C-alpha atoms as a PDB file:
ATOM      1  CA  MET A   1     -42.688  11.213  27.800  1.00  0.00           C
ATOM      2  CA  THR A   2     -43.367   8.292  25.476  1.00  0.00           C
ATOM      3  CA  THR A   3     -45.448   5.897  26.767  1.00  0.00           C
ATOM      4  CA  ALA A   4     -46.039   2.008  25.594  1.00  0.00           C
ATOM      5  CA  ALA A   5     -48.689   2.864  23.579  1.00  0.00           C
ATOM      6  CA  ASP A   6     -46.751   5.149  21.418  1.00  0.00           C
ATOM      7  CA  LEU A   7     -44.056   2.524  20.747  1.00  0.00           C
ATOM      8  CA  ALA A   8     -46.414  -0.137  19.973  1.00  0.00           C
ATOM      9  CA  PRO A   9     -46.684  -1.515  15.951  1.00  0.00           C
ATOM     10  CA  ASP A  10     -50.425  -0.177  14.990  1.00  0.00           C
ATOM     11  CA  ALA A  11     -53.242  -2.682  15.225  1.00  0.00           C
ATOM     12  CA  SER A  12     -54.345  -1.604  11.663  1.00  0.00           C
ATOM     13  CA  ARG A  13     -52.469   1.390   9.729  1.00  0.00           C
ATOM     14  CA  PRO A  14     -54.908   4.202   9.789  1.00  0.00           C
ATOM     15  CA  SER A  15     -56.323   5.365   6.481  1.00  0.00           C
ATOM     16  CA  LEU A  16     -55.248   7.986   4.307  1.00  0.00           C
ATOM     17  CA  ARG A  17     -56.882  10.969   3.808  1.00  0.00           C
ATOM     18  CA  ALA A  18     -55.831  13.577   1.056  1.00  0.00           C
ATOM     19  CA  ASP A  19     -55.602  16.005   3.899  1.00  0.00           C
ATOM     20  CA  SER A  20     -53.294  13.276   5.917  1.00  0.00           C
ATOM     21  CA  ALA A  21     -49.798  12.908   6.309  1.00  0.00           C
ATOM     22  CA  ALA A  22     -48.372   9.206   4.721  1.00  0.00           C
ATOM     23  CA  ILE A  23     -45.552   9.644   7.503  1.00  0.00           C
ATOM     24  CA  GLU A  24     -45.502  11.549  10.466  1.00  0.00           C
ATOM     25  CA  LEU A  25     -42.428  10.527  12.952  1.00  0.00           C
ATOM     26  CA  THR A  26     -42.020  12.526  16.045  1.00  0.00           C
ATOM     27  CA  GLY A  27     -39.309  12.442  18.484  1.00  0.00           C
ATOM     28  CA  ILE A  28     -37.573   9.267  17.147  1.00  0.00           C
ATOM     29  CA  GLU A  29     -34.650   8.114  18.592  1.00  0.00           C
ATOM     30  CA  VAL A  30     -32.954   4.259  18.024  1.00  0.00           C
ATOM     31  CA  ARG A  31     -30.480   2.906  20.291  1.00  0.00           C
ATOM     32  CA  PHE A  32     -28.073   0.258  19.529  1.00  0.00           C
ATOM     33  CA  SER A  33     -26.004  -1.626  22.196  1.00  0.00           C
ATOM     34  CA  MET A  34     -22.536  -2.433  21.731  1.00  0.00           C
ATOM     35  CA  PRO A  35     -20.097  -4.782  23.036  1.00  0.00           C
ATOM     36  CA  THR A  36     -17.150  -3.157  23.672  1.00  0.00           C
ATOM     37  CA  GLU A  37     -14.913  -6.335  22.993  1.00  0.00           C
ATOM     38  CA  ARG A  38     -15.135  -8.959  20.196  1.00  0.00           C
ATOM     39  CA  ILE A  39     -17.075 -11.901  21.276  1.00  0.00           C
ATOM     40  CA  VAL A  40     -15.737 -14.882  18.415  1.00  0.00           C
ATOM     41  CA  SER A  41     -18.122 -17.593  20.295  1.00  0.00           C
ATOM     42  CA  PHE A  42     -22.035 -17.871  21.029  1.00  0.00           C
ATOM     43  CA  LYS A  43     -20.064 -20.096  24.459  1.00  0.00           C
ATOM     44  CA  GLU A  44     -17.881 -17.007  25.538  1.00  0.00           C
ATOM     45  CA  TYR A  45     -20.579 -14.683  24.872  1.00  0.00           C
ATOM     46  CA  VAL A  46     -22.664 -17.158  27.742  1.00  0.00           C
ATOM     47  CA  LEU A  47     -19.758 -17.042  30.317  1.00  0.00           C
ATOM     48  CA  LYS A  48     -18.583 -13.312  30.181  1.00  0.00           C
ATOM     49  CA  ARG A  49     -22.738 -12.682  30.560  1.00  0.00           C
ATOM     50  CA  LEU A  50     -23.455 -14.980  33.537  1.00  0.00           C
ATOM     51  CA  ALA A  51     -19.875 -13.313  35.399  1.00  0.00           C
ATOM     52  CA  GLY A  52     -21.014 -10.270  34.515  1.00  0.00           C
ATOM     53  CA  LYS A  53     -17.940  -9.426  32.150  1.00  0.00           C
ATOM     54  CA  LEU A  54     -19.766  -8.464  29.453  1.00  0.00           C
ATOM     55  CA  GLU A  55     -19.028  -4.639  28.824  1.00  0.00           C
ATOM     56  CA  HIS A  56     -21.689  -2.443  26.126  1.00  0.00           C
ATOM     57  CA  ARG A  57     -21.551   0.648  24.950  1.00  0.00           C
ATOM     58  CA  GLU A  58     -24.537   2.383  23.665  1.00  0.00           C
ATOM     59  CA  LEU A  59     -24.898   3.827  19.968  1.00  0.00           C
ATOM     60  CA  TRP A  60     -27.523   6.425  19.031  1.00  0.00           C
ATOM     61  CA  ALA A  61     -28.080   5.587  15.345  1.00  0.00           C
ATOM     62  CA  LEU A  62     -31.033   8.498  15.335  1.00  0.00           C
ATOM     63  CA  ARG A  63     -31.874  11.291  17.808  1.00  0.00           C
ATOM     64  CA  SER A  64     -34.985  12.968  18.570  1.00  0.00           C
ATOM     65  CA  LEU A  65     -35.573  12.952  14.467  1.00  0.00           C
ATOM     66  CA  ASP A  66     -39.393  14.574  13.549  1.00  0.00           C
ATOM     67  CA  LEU A  67     -40.806  14.360   9.859  1.00  0.00           C
ATOM     68  CA  GLU A  68     -43.602  14.882   8.116  1.00  0.00           C
ATOM     69  CA  VAL A  69     -44.469  13.432   4.484  1.00  0.00           C
ATOM     70  CA  PRO A  70     -47.427  14.030   2.809  1.00  0.00           C
ATOM     71  CA  PRO A  71     -48.705  12.490  -0.140  1.00  0.00           C
ATOM     72  CA  GLY A  72     -47.658  12.598  -4.001  1.00  0.00           C
ATOM     73  CA  GLU A  73     -43.881  14.111  -2.387  1.00  0.00           C
ATOM     74  CA  PHE A  74     -41.141  12.750  -3.428  1.00  0.00           C
ATOM     75  CA  VAL A  75     -38.440  12.920  -0.460  1.00  0.00           C
ATOM     76  CA  GLY A  76     -34.459  12.455  -1.080  1.00  0.00           C
ATOM     77  CA  VAL A  77     -32.322  11.133   2.663  1.00  0.00           C
ATOM     78  CA  VAL A  78     -29.051  11.707   2.223  1.00  0.00           C
ATOM     79  CA  GLY A  79     -26.136  11.690   4.598  1.00  0.00           C
ATOM     80  CA  ARG A  80     -22.808   9.801   5.083  1.00  0.00           C
ATOM     81  CA  ASN A  81     -22.389   6.088   5.601  1.00  0.00           C
ATOM     82  CA  GLY A  82     -23.690   5.095   9.251  1.00  0.00           C
ATOM     83  CA  ALA A  83     -25.615   8.175   9.578  1.00  0.00           C
ATOM     84  CA  GLY A  84     -28.778   6.525  10.383  1.00  0.00           C
ATOM     85  CA  LYS A  85     -31.076   7.234   6.874  1.00  0.00           C
ATOM     86  CA  SER A  86     -30.893   3.042   6.494  1.00  0.00           C
ATOM     87  CA  THR A  87     -32.240   2.972  10.095  1.00  0.00           C
ATOM     88  CA  LEU A  88     -34.735   5.811   9.200  1.00  0.00           C
ATOM     89  CA  LEU A  89     -36.287   3.611   6.617  1.00  0.00           C
ATOM     90  CA  LYS A  90     -36.706   0.499   8.497  1.00  0.00           C
ATOM     91  CA  VAL A  91     -38.443   2.317  11.610  1.00  0.00           C
ATOM     92  CA  ILE A  92     -40.690   3.395   8.942  1.00  0.00           C
ATOM     93  CA  SER A  93     -41.490   0.007   7.638  1.00  0.00           C
ATOM     94  CA  ARG A  94     -41.632  -1.312  11.112  1.00  0.00           C
ATOM     95  CA  VAL A  95     -38.128  -3.818  10.787  1.00  0.00           C
ATOM     96  CA  LEU A  96     -37.467  -2.152  13.681  1.00  0.00           C
ATOM     97  CA  THR A  97     -38.860  -0.431  16.351  1.00  0.00           C
ATOM     98  CA  PRO A  98     -37.549   2.976  17.939  1.00  0.00           C
ATOM     99  CA  THR A  99     -36.418   3.304  20.863  1.00  0.00           C
ATOM    100  CA  ALA A 100     -38.670   6.139  21.714  1.00  0.00           C
ATOM    101  CA  GLY A 101     -40.838   8.227  19.925  1.00  0.00           C
ATOM    102  CA  ARG A 102     -43.963   8.085  18.225  1.00  0.00           C
ATOM    103  CA  VAL A 103     -44.209   6.647  14.126  1.00  0.00           C
ATOM    104  CA  VAL A 104     -47.956   7.319  12.369  1.00  0.00           C
ATOM    105  CA  VAL A 105     -47.603   5.306   8.867  1.00  0.00           C
ATOM    106  CA  ARG A 106     -51.127   5.711   6.784  1.00  0.00           C
ATOM    107  CA  GLY A 107     -51.918   3.444   3.981  1.00  0.00           C
ATOM    108  CA  GLN A 108     -50.120   0.051   2.040  1.00  0.00           C
ATOM    109  CA  VAL A 109     -46.119   0.386   2.556  1.00  0.00           C
ATOM    110  CA  ALA A 110     -43.860  -1.237  -0.636  1.00  0.00           C
ATOM    111  CA  PRO A 111     -39.723  -1.190   1.140  1.00  0.00           C
ATOM    112  CA  LEU A 112     -37.495  -1.713  -1.180  1.00  0.00           C
ATOM    113  CA  LEU A 113     -34.222  -2.341   1.776  1.00  0.00           C
ATOM    114  CA  GLU A 114     -32.347  -4.472   0.803  1.00  0.00           C
ATOM    115  CA  LEU A 115     -31.657  -7.072  -2.691  1.00  0.00           C
ATOM    116  CA  GLY A 116     -33.296 -10.415  -1.809  1.00  0.00           C
ATOM    117  CA  ALA A 117     -35.053  -9.417   1.149  1.00  0.00           C
ATOM    118  CA  GLY A 118     -37.963 -11.981   2.107  1.00  0.00           C
ATOM    119  CA  PHE A 119     -36.797 -14.270  -1.176  1.00  0.00           C
ATOM    120  CA  HIS A 120     -35.820 -17.512  -0.147  1.00  0.00           C
ATOM    121  CA  PHE A 121     -33.280 -18.249  -2.525  1.00  0.00           C
ATOM    122  CA  ASP A 122     -33.866 -22.133  -3.062  1.00  0.00           C
ATOM    123  CA  LEU A 123     -37.069 -21.368  -4.400  1.00  0.00           C
ATOM    124  CA  THR A 124     -37.695 -20.171  -8.256  1.00  0.00           C
ATOM    125  CA  GLY A 125     -38.264 -17.020  -9.211  1.00  0.00           C
ATOM    126  CA  ARG A 126     -41.984 -17.587 -10.160  1.00  0.00           C
ATOM    127  CA  GLU A 127     -42.513 -19.064  -6.395  1.00  0.00           C
ATOM    128  CA  ASN A 128     -41.098 -16.150  -4.928  1.00  0.00           C
ATOM    129  CA  VAL A 129     -43.095 -13.769  -6.403  1.00  0.00           C
ATOM    130  CA  PHE A 130     -45.982 -15.531  -4.365  1.00  0.00           C
ATOM    131  CA  LEU A 131     -43.787 -15.587  -0.893  1.00  0.00           C
ATOM    132  CA  ASN A 132     -42.776 -12.401  -1.198  1.00  0.00           C
ATOM    133  CA  ALA A 133     -46.205 -10.817  -2.202  1.00  0.00           C
ATOM    134  CA  ALA A 134     -47.662 -12.609   0.668  1.00  0.00           C
ATOM    135  CA  LEU A 135     -45.077 -10.496   2.643  1.00  0.00           C
ATOM    136  CA  PHE A 136     -46.943  -7.489   1.111  1.00  0.00           C
ATOM    137  CA  GLY A 137     -50.262  -8.948   2.278  1.00  0.00           C
ATOM    138  CA  HIS A 138     -51.583  -9.901  -0.853  1.00  0.00           C
ATOM    139  CA  SER A 139     -53.357 -13.430  -1.882  1.00  0.00           C
ATOM    140  CA  SER A 140     -52.246 -16.105  -4.175  1.00  0.00           C
ATOM    141  CA  ARG A 141     -55.484 -16.078  -5.897  1.00  0.00           C
ATOM    142  CA  ILE A 142     -54.676 -11.795  -6.696  1.00  0.00           C
ATOM    143  CA  VAL A 143     -50.787 -12.556  -7.154  1.00  0.00           C
ATOM    144  CA  GLN A 144     -52.358 -15.339  -9.872  1.00  0.00           C
ATOM    145  CA  LYS A 145     -54.454 -12.847 -11.247  1.00  0.00           C
ATOM    146  CA  HIS A 146     -51.307 -10.334 -11.908  1.00  0.00           C
ATOM    147  CA  LEU A 147     -48.558 -12.919 -12.165  1.00  0.00           C
ATOM    148  CA  HIS A 148     -47.535 -11.988 -15.837  1.00  0.00           C
ATOM    149  CA  GLU A 149     -47.651  -8.471 -15.463  1.00  0.00           C
ATOM    150  CA  VAL A 150     -44.960  -8.842 -12.663  1.00  0.00           C
ATOM    151  CA  ILE A 151     -43.096 -11.244 -14.718  1.00  0.00           C
ATOM    152  CA  ASP A 152     -43.677  -8.754 -17.338  1.00  0.00           C
ATOM    153  CA  PHE A 153     -42.367  -5.817 -15.884  1.00  0.00           C
ATOM    154  CA  SER A 154     -39.233  -7.892 -14.924  1.00  0.00           C
ATOM    155  CA  GLU A 155     -38.228  -9.305 -17.794  1.00  0.00           C
ATOM    156  CA  LEU A 156     -37.257 -12.221 -16.830  1.00  0.00           C
ATOM    157  CA  GLU A 157     -39.503 -14.382 -18.231  1.00  0.00           C
ATOM    158  CA  GLU A 158     -36.723 -17.046 -19.638  1.00  0.00           C
ATOM    159  CA  PHE A 159     -35.386 -17.140 -16.282  1.00  0.00           C
ATOM    160  CA  ILE A 160     -38.719 -16.910 -13.920  1.00  0.00           C
ATOM    161  CA  ASP A 161     -38.794 -20.756 -13.556  1.00  0.00           C
ATOM    162  CA  LEU A 162     -34.747 -21.162 -12.005  1.00  0.00           C
ATOM    163  CA  PRO A 163     -33.860 -20.743  -8.217  1.00  0.00           C
ATOM    164  CA  ILE A 164     -32.910 -17.303  -7.368  1.00  0.00           C
ATOM    165  CA  ARG A 165     -29.536 -18.292  -6.115  1.00  0.00           C
ATOM    166  CA  ASN A 166     -28.668 -18.134  -9.723  1.00  0.00           C
ATOM    167  CA  TYR A 167     -29.771 -14.856 -10.144  1.00  0.00           C
ATOM    168  CA  SER A 168     -27.354 -11.667 -10.834  1.00  0.00           C
ATOM    169  CA  SER A 169     -27.996  -8.868  -8.205  1.00  0.00           C
ATOM    170  CA  GLY A 170     -30.050  -6.807 -11.135  1.00  0.00           C
ATOM    171  CA  MET A 171     -32.291  -9.708 -11.401  1.00  0.00           C
ATOM    172  CA  LEU A 172     -32.784  -9.903  -7.933  1.00  0.00           C
ATOM    173  CA  ALA A 173     -33.542  -5.925  -8.244  1.00  0.00           C
ATOM    174  CA  ARG A 174     -35.888  -6.243 -11.066  1.00  0.00           C
ATOM    175  CA  LEU A 175     -37.979  -9.089  -9.415  1.00  0.00           C
ATOM    176  CA  GLY A 176     -37.980  -7.460  -5.910  1.00  0.00           C
ATOM    177  CA  PHE A 177     -39.252  -4.060  -7.463  1.00  0.00           C
ATOM    178  CA  ALA A 178     -41.908  -5.974  -9.369  1.00  0.00           C
ATOM    179  CA  VAL A 179     -43.577  -7.933  -6.791  1.00  0.00           C
ATOM    180  CA  ALA A 180     -42.988  -4.407  -4.703  1.00  0.00           C
ATOM    181  CA  THR A 181     -44.908  -2.913  -6.596  1.00  0.00           C
ATOM    182  CA  MET A 182     -47.591  -4.889  -8.279  1.00  0.00           C
ATOM    183  CA  PHE A 183     -50.209  -2.210  -6.832  1.00  0.00           C
ATOM    184  CA  ARG A 184     -49.785   0.934  -5.930  1.00  0.00           C
ATOM    185  CA  PRO A 185     -48.529   1.437  -2.522  1.00  0.00           C
ATOM    186  CA  GLU A 186     -49.207   4.790  -0.308  1.00  0.00           C
ATOM    187  CA  LEU A 187     -45.950   4.745   0.639  1.00  0.00           C
ATOM    188  CA  LEU A 188     -42.968   3.201  -1.330  1.00  0.00           C
ATOM    189  CA  LEU A 189     -39.722   3.321   0.551  1.00  0.00           C
ATOM    190  CA  ILE A 190     -36.092   3.092  -1.738  1.00  0.00           C
ATOM    191  CA  ASP A 191     -32.570   2.282  -0.386  1.00  0.00           C
ATOM    192  CA  GLU A 192     -30.306   2.485  -3.214  1.00  0.00           C
ATOM    193  CA  ILE A 193     -31.700  -0.586  -5.329  1.00  0.00           C
ATOM    194  CA  LEU A 194     -32.381   1.863  -8.056  1.00  0.00           C
ATOM    195  CA  ALA A 195     -28.646   2.239  -8.475  1.00  0.00           C
ATOM    196  CA  VAL A 196     -28.456  -1.848  -9.698  1.00  0.00           C
ATOM    197  CA  GLY A 197     -29.021  -3.093 -12.638  1.00  0.00           C
ATOM    198  CA  ASP A 198     -29.256  -1.703 -16.526  1.00  0.00           C
ATOM    199  CA  THR A 199     -29.826   2.045 -17.425  1.00  0.00           C
ATOM    200  CA  GLY A 200     -32.962   1.158 -19.377  1.00  0.00           C
ATOM    201  CA  PHE A 201     -34.949  -0.966 -16.402  1.00  0.00           C
ATOM    202  CA  GLN A 202     -33.266   1.931 -14.121  1.00  0.00           C
ATOM    203  CA  GLU A 203     -35.880   4.221 -16.406  1.00  0.00           C
ATOM    204  CA  LYS A 204     -38.802   1.868 -16.621  1.00  0.00           C
ATOM    205  CA  CYS A 205     -38.831   2.006 -12.591  1.00  0.00           C
ATOM    206  CA  LEU A 206     -38.587   5.840 -12.204  1.00  0.00           C
ATOM    207  CA  ALA A 207     -41.489   6.035 -15.080  1.00  0.00           C
ATOM    208  CA  ARG A 208     -43.567   4.229 -12.396  1.00  0.00           C
ATOM    209  CA  ILE A 209     -42.476   5.658  -9.644  1.00  0.00           C
ATOM    210  CA  HIS A 210     -43.319   9.111 -10.808  1.00  0.00           C
ATOM    211  CA  ASP A 211     -46.830   7.677 -11.918  1.00  0.00           C
ATOM    212  CA  PHE A 212     -47.290   6.255  -8.504  1.00  0.00           C
ATOM    213  CA  ARG A 213     -46.670   9.796  -7.114  1.00  0.00           C
ATOM    214  CA  SER A 214     -49.018  11.619  -9.739  1.00  0.00           C
ATOM    215  CA  GLN A 215     -51.797   9.651  -7.935  1.00  0.00           C
ATOM    216  CA  GLY A 216     -50.232  10.249  -4.281  1.00  0.00           C
ATOM    217  CA  THR A 217     -48.173   7.928  -3.489  1.00  0.00           C
ATOM    218  CA  ALA A 218     -45.004   9.538  -1.120  1.00  0.00           C
ATOM    219  CA  ILE A 219     -41.894   8.231  -1.468  1.00  0.00           C
ATOM    220  CA  LEU A 220     -38.690   8.385   0.221  1.00  0.00           C
ATOM    221  CA  LEU A 221     -35.451   7.527  -1.595  1.00  0.00           C
ATOM    222  CA  VAL A 222     -32.350   6.981   0.130  1.00  0.00           C
ATOM    223  CA  SER A 223     -28.894   7.581  -2.166  1.00  0.00           C
ATOM    224  CA  HIS A 224     -25.512   8.300  -2.377  1.00  0.00           C
ATOM    225  CA  GLN A 225     -25.928   9.563  -6.089  1.00  0.00           C
ATOM    226  CA  MET A 226     -26.886  13.626  -5.437  1.00  0.00           C
ATOM    227  CA  GLU A 227     -27.833  13.285  -9.339  1.00  0.00           C
ATOM    228  CA  SER A 228     -30.589  11.231  -8.808  1.00  0.00           C
ATOM    229  CA  ILE A 229     -31.806  12.934  -5.661  1.00  0.00           C
ATOM    230  CA  ALA A 230     -31.597  16.447  -7.341  1.00  0.00           C
ATOM    231  CA  ASP A 231     -33.053  15.158 -10.796  1.00  0.00           C
ATOM    232  CA  HIS A 232     -36.394  13.544  -8.900  1.00  0.00           C
ATOM    233  CA  CYS A 233     -36.828  14.395  -5.483  1.00  0.00           C
ATOM    234  CA  THR A 234     -38.975  17.561  -4.901  1.00  0.00           C
ATOM    235  CA  ARG A 235     -37.979  17.981  -1.186  1.00  0.00           C
ATOM    236  CA  ALA A 236     -34.295  16.533   0.641  1.00  0.00           C
ATOM    237  CA  VAL A 237     -33.409  15.834   4.046  1.00  0.00           C
ATOM    238  CA  TRP A 238     -30.250  15.838   5.336  1.00  0.00           C
ATOM    239  CA  ILE A 239     -29.250  13.241   8.544  1.00  0.00           C
ATOM    240  CA  GLU A 240     -25.804  13.562  10.470  1.00  0.00           C
ATOM    241  CA  ARG A 241     -25.325  11.625  12.916  1.00  0.00           C
ATOM    242  CA  GLY A 242     -28.661  10.024  13.437  1.00  0.00           C
ATOM    243  CA  GLN A 243     -29.763  13.802  13.874  1.00  0.00           C
ATOM    244  CA  LEU A 244     -32.000  15.855  10.962  1.00  0.00           C
ATOM    245  CA  LYS A 245     -28.991  18.360  10.127  1.00  0.00           C
ATOM    246  CA  ALA A 246     -31.167  20.045   7.363  1.00  0.00           C
ATOM    247  CA  GLU A 247     -34.520  19.657   5.730  1.00  0.00           C
ATOM    248  CA  GLY A 248     -36.091  22.070   2.418  1.00  0.00           C
ATOM    249  CA  PRO A 249     -35.648  22.840  -0.956  1.00  0.00           C
ATOM    250  CA  THR A 250     -34.055  19.789  -2.514  1.00  0.00           C
ATOM    251  CA  ASP A 251     -30.962  21.916  -4.148  1.00  0.00           C
ATOM    252  CA  GLU A 252     -30.818  24.297  -1.027  1.00  0.00           C
ATOM    253  CA  VAL A 253     -30.372  20.958   1.281  1.00  0.00           C
ATOM    254  CA  LEU A 254     -27.495  19.450  -1.089  1.00  0.00           C
ATOM    255  CA  GLN A 255     -25.918  22.853  -1.420  1.00  0.00           C
ATOM    256  CA  ARG A 256     -25.925  22.324   2.306  1.00  0.00           C
ATOM    257  CA  TYR A 257     -24.441  19.122   2.004  1.00  0.00           C
ATOM    258  CA  SER A 258     -22.361  19.354  -0.626  1.00  0.00           C
ATOM    259  CA  GLU A 259     -20.735  22.126   1.608  1.00  0.00           C
ATOM    260  CA  GLY A 260     -20.339  20.557   4.656  1.00  0.00           C
ATOM    261  CA  PHE A 261     -18.737  17.312   3.289  1.00  0.00           C
ATOM    262  CA  ALA A 262     -16.151  19.526   1.872  1.00  0.00           C
ATOM    263  CA  GLU A 263     -15.520  21.164   5.137  1.00  0.00           C
ATOM    264  CA  SER A 264     -15.200  17.591   7.141  1.00  0.00           C
END
């Protein structure tokens, strides 16, 4: 039985030892409540709710999912749109609290889930470096010390003092990745973000990712680009309708996934 203690975020993240898993997920379930009819205004929502006429249906994004990822492993996550891949990353990064199950994450987490997440679009790139880094728990003093490294890696020197509302999606990806990887995390979560930007910068990001992995960082990559999963991941997991359909060596899981996709 799942207890409140199992669902509550850890007061302090467990430290990551060489013999500890970076991620331990046990019986993870995420349920959303969806209205059965379209509500066009907040007033209509309130009136229907007060009258007891607001009907919902349950949508299970994840069901009975178990997963363990040790330090230094590069895991690819595949599945159709709506299968639950992004929900999985949000549970691991504590953006979402699961309906049931236990989440144990050890060490510093760097989530790259959405372009512009954590950014304020009226602030400059430089100001957003400090803002976004603060969300990762870095002090302004430490950020100031490493600011030139972030700007240099992002290759945005001439744009860093412009409001980021003027940035392209590729520029946002550059800045977001540079800030998230300012210091080596124990766990790096990537949701398609590396598909944005030019080839040269993608290769630069991958080089940093593999350097982190060689130092013990665990990496989860969600992507629809099977070539990327095949080229970089040591293991793959296939999620179908919120459930873990298969996991194992990358080539075997991708083969099963491709066959299952073709049959449907």
